[in-house]
Amino acid sequence: MNVSSSVNFANQDLRNRSFHGQNLKGANFSSCDLRGCDFSYAQLKGANFERVRTGQT
C-alpha cells in the first residue's frame, strides 16, 4: 500500500504500526506516538517528526 505524500498523522497514537516500504515523503508525524513502529525501507524525505515519541513499547 502506498501512501500519499500529503498524509497528516499529526497528534495520533500510531504505536506498533508498520510503514514498511511505504512512500511517506512529506508526511506529517508531528506530536505522534511512534513507539514500536517499523519504518524500514520507507521513503521519508521531507517528513516532519517534530515532538514525536519514539522507542520500544
N, C-alpha and C. Protein backbone atom coordinates (compact mmCIF):
# COMPACT_ATOMS: atom_id res chain seq x y z
N MET A 1 0.84 -1.18 0.00
CA MET A 1 0.00 0.00 0.00
C MET A 1 0.88 1.24 0.00
N ASN A 2 0.73 2.08 -0.95
CA ASN A 2 1.45 3.35 -0.98
C ASN A 2 0.59 4.44 -0.39
N VAL A 3 1.24 5.33 0.34
CA VAL A 3 0.53 6.42 1.00
C VAL A 3 0.88 7.72 0.31
N SER A 4 -0.09 8.58 0.14
CA SER A 4 0.13 9.88 -0.47
C SER A 4 1.09 10.70 0.36
N SER A 5 1.88 11.53 -0.29
CA SER A 5 2.86 12.34 0.42
C SER A 5 2.23 13.44 1.26
N SER A 6 0.96 13.70 1.09
CA SER A 6 0.31 14.76 1.85
C SER A 6 -0.40 14.23 3.10
N VAL A 7 -0.06 13.05 3.53
CA VAL A 7 -0.72 12.43 4.67
C VAL A 7 -0.39 13.19 5.95
N ASN A 8 -1.40 13.43 6.76
CA ASN A 8 -1.22 14.13 8.03
C ASN A 8 -1.58 13.18 9.17
N PHE A 9 -0.54 12.70 9.87
CA PHE A 9 -0.72 11.82 11.01
C PHE A 9 -0.58 12.58 12.33
N ALA A 10 -0.54 13.89 12.30
CA ALA A 10 -0.24 14.70 13.48
C ALA A 10 -1.13 14.34 14.67
N ASN A 11 -0.50 14.31 15.84
CA ASN A 11 -1.18 14.10 17.13
C ASN A 11 -1.92 12.77 17.24
N GLN A 12 -1.42 11.73 16.58
CA GLN A 12 -2.09 10.43 16.64
C GLN A 12 -1.24 9.40 17.37
N ASP A 13 -1.90 8.41 17.90
CA ASP A 13 -1.23 7.27 18.52
C ASP A 13 -1.06 6.21 17.45
N LEU A 14 0.16 6.07 16.95
CA LEU A 14 0.44 5.13 15.86
C LEU A 14 1.31 3.97 16.33
N ARG A 15 1.30 3.70 17.62
CA ARG A 15 2.18 2.66 18.18
C ARG A 15 2.04 1.32 17.46
N ASN A 16 3.21 0.72 17.23
CA ASN A 16 3.33 -0.64 16.67
C ASN A 16 2.77 -0.79 15.26
N ARG A 17 2.71 0.27 14.51
CA ARG A 17 2.24 0.19 13.12
C ARG A 17 3.43 -0.10 12.20
N SER A 18 3.13 -0.70 11.08
CA SER A 18 4.16 -0.96 10.08
C SER A 18 3.96 -0.04 8.89
N PHE A 19 5.01 0.73 8.60
CA PHE A 19 5.03 1.59 7.43
C PHE A 19 6.09 1.07 6.45
N HIS A 20 6.40 -0.19 6.57
CA HIS A 20 7.45 -0.85 5.79
C HIS A 20 7.27 -0.59 4.29
N GLY A 21 8.29 0.02 3.69
CA GLY A 21 8.32 0.23 2.25
C GLY A 21 7.35 1.26 1.70
N GLN A 22 6.67 1.99 2.55
CA GLN A 22 5.68 2.94 2.05
C GLN A 22 6.31 4.28 1.66
N ASN A 23 5.65 4.97 0.77
CA ASN A 23 6.07 6.30 0.36
C ASN A 23 5.43 7.31 1.31
N LEU A 24 6.23 7.83 2.22
CA LEU A 24 5.74 8.79 3.21
C LEU A 24 6.44 10.14 3.05
N LYS A 25 6.87 10.44 1.83
CA LYS A 25 7.56 11.70 1.56
C LYS A 25 6.65 12.86 1.93
N GLY A 26 7.16 13.74 2.78
CA GLY A 26 6.42 14.93 3.18
C GLY A 26 5.32 14.69 4.20
N ALA A 27 5.19 13.48 4.70
CA ALA A 27 4.14 13.19 5.68
C ALA A 27 4.38 13.94 6.99
N ASN A 28 3.32 14.26 7.67
CA ASN A 28 3.41 14.99 8.93
C ASN A 28 3.13 14.04 10.09
N PHE A 29 4.17 13.77 10.88
CA PHE A 29 4.05 12.91 12.06
C PHE A 29 4.19 13.72 13.35
N SER A 30 4.08 15.02 13.30
CA SER A 30 4.36 15.85 14.47
C SER A 30 3.48 15.47 15.66
N SER A 31 4.12 15.38 16.80
CA SER A 31 3.49 15.06 18.09
C SER A 31 2.83 13.68 18.12
N CYS A 32 3.27 12.77 17.28
CA CYS A 32 2.73 11.40 17.27
C CYS A 32 3.48 10.50 18.25
N ASP A 33 2.82 9.44 18.63
CA ASP A 33 3.46 8.38 19.39
C ASP A 33 3.83 7.29 18.39
N LEU A 34 5.12 7.18 18.10
CA LEU A 34 5.60 6.24 17.10
C LEU A 34 6.35 5.06 17.71
N ARG A 35 6.17 4.84 18.99
CA ARG A 35 6.89 3.75 19.65
C ARG A 35 6.53 2.41 19.03
N GLY A 36 7.56 1.67 18.67
CA GLY A 36 7.37 0.34 18.10
C GLY A 36 7.05 0.31 16.61
N CYS A 37 7.06 1.45 15.94
CA CYS A 37 6.73 1.48 14.51
C CYS A 37 7.88 0.97 13.66
N ASP A 38 7.53 0.39 12.53
CA ASP A 38 8.51 -0.12 11.57
C ASP A 38 8.53 0.78 10.35
N PHE A 39 9.63 1.52 10.19
CA PHE A 39 9.79 2.40 9.03
C PHE A 39 10.84 1.86 8.07
N SER A 40 11.16 0.58 8.16
CA SER A 40 12.20 0.03 7.30
C SER A 40 11.81 0.13 5.83
N TYR A 41 12.74 0.61 5.05
CA TYR A 41 12.60 0.79 3.60
C TYR A 41 11.52 1.81 3.22
N ALA A 42 11.01 2.57 4.18
CA ALA A 42 10.02 3.62 3.87
C ALA A 42 10.74 4.84 3.31
N GLN A 43 10.07 5.55 2.44
CA GLN A 43 10.60 6.79 1.88
C GLN A 43 10.09 7.94 2.75
N LEU A 44 11.03 8.61 3.43
CA LEU A 44 10.65 9.60 4.44
C LEU A 44 11.19 11.00 4.16
N LYS A 45 11.67 11.24 2.96
CA LYS A 45 12.26 12.54 2.65
C LYS A 45 11.23 13.65 2.89
N GLY A 46 11.63 14.63 3.68
CA GLY A 46 10.78 15.78 3.95
C GLY A 46 9.69 15.53 4.98
N ALA A 47 9.67 14.35 5.58
CA ALA A 47 8.65 14.06 6.60
C ALA A 47 8.94 14.85 7.88
N ASN A 48 7.89 15.24 8.56
CA ASN A 48 8.00 16.04 9.78
C ASN A 48 7.86 15.13 11.00
N PHE A 49 8.94 15.06 11.80
CA PHE A 49 8.94 14.23 13.00
C PHE A 49 9.14 15.07 14.26
N GLU A 50 8.67 16.30 14.26
CA GLU A 50 8.83 17.17 15.43
C GLU A 50 8.00 16.65 16.60
N ARG A 51 8.61 16.64 17.77
CA ARG A 51 7.96 16.28 19.04
C ARG A 51 7.31 14.89 19.04
N VAL A 52 7.89 13.93 18.32
CA VAL A 52 7.34 12.57 18.33
C VAL A 52 7.87 11.78 19.52
N ARG A 53 7.14 10.77 19.91
CA ARG A 53 7.60 9.82 20.92
C ARG A 53 8.10 8.60 20.18
N THR A 54 9.32 8.17 20.50
CA THR A 54 9.89 7.01 19.82
C THR A 54 10.47 6.04 20.84
N GLY A 55 10.78 4.87 20.38
CA GLY A 55 11.38 3.84 21.23
C GLY A 55 10.55 2.58 21.17
N GLN A 56 10.74 1.75 22.16
CA GLN A 56 10.02 0.49 22.22
C GLN A 56 8.77 0.64 23.06
N THR A 57 7.80 -0.20 22.78
CA THR A 57 6.56 -0.16 23.58
C THR A 57 6.61 -1.17 24.69
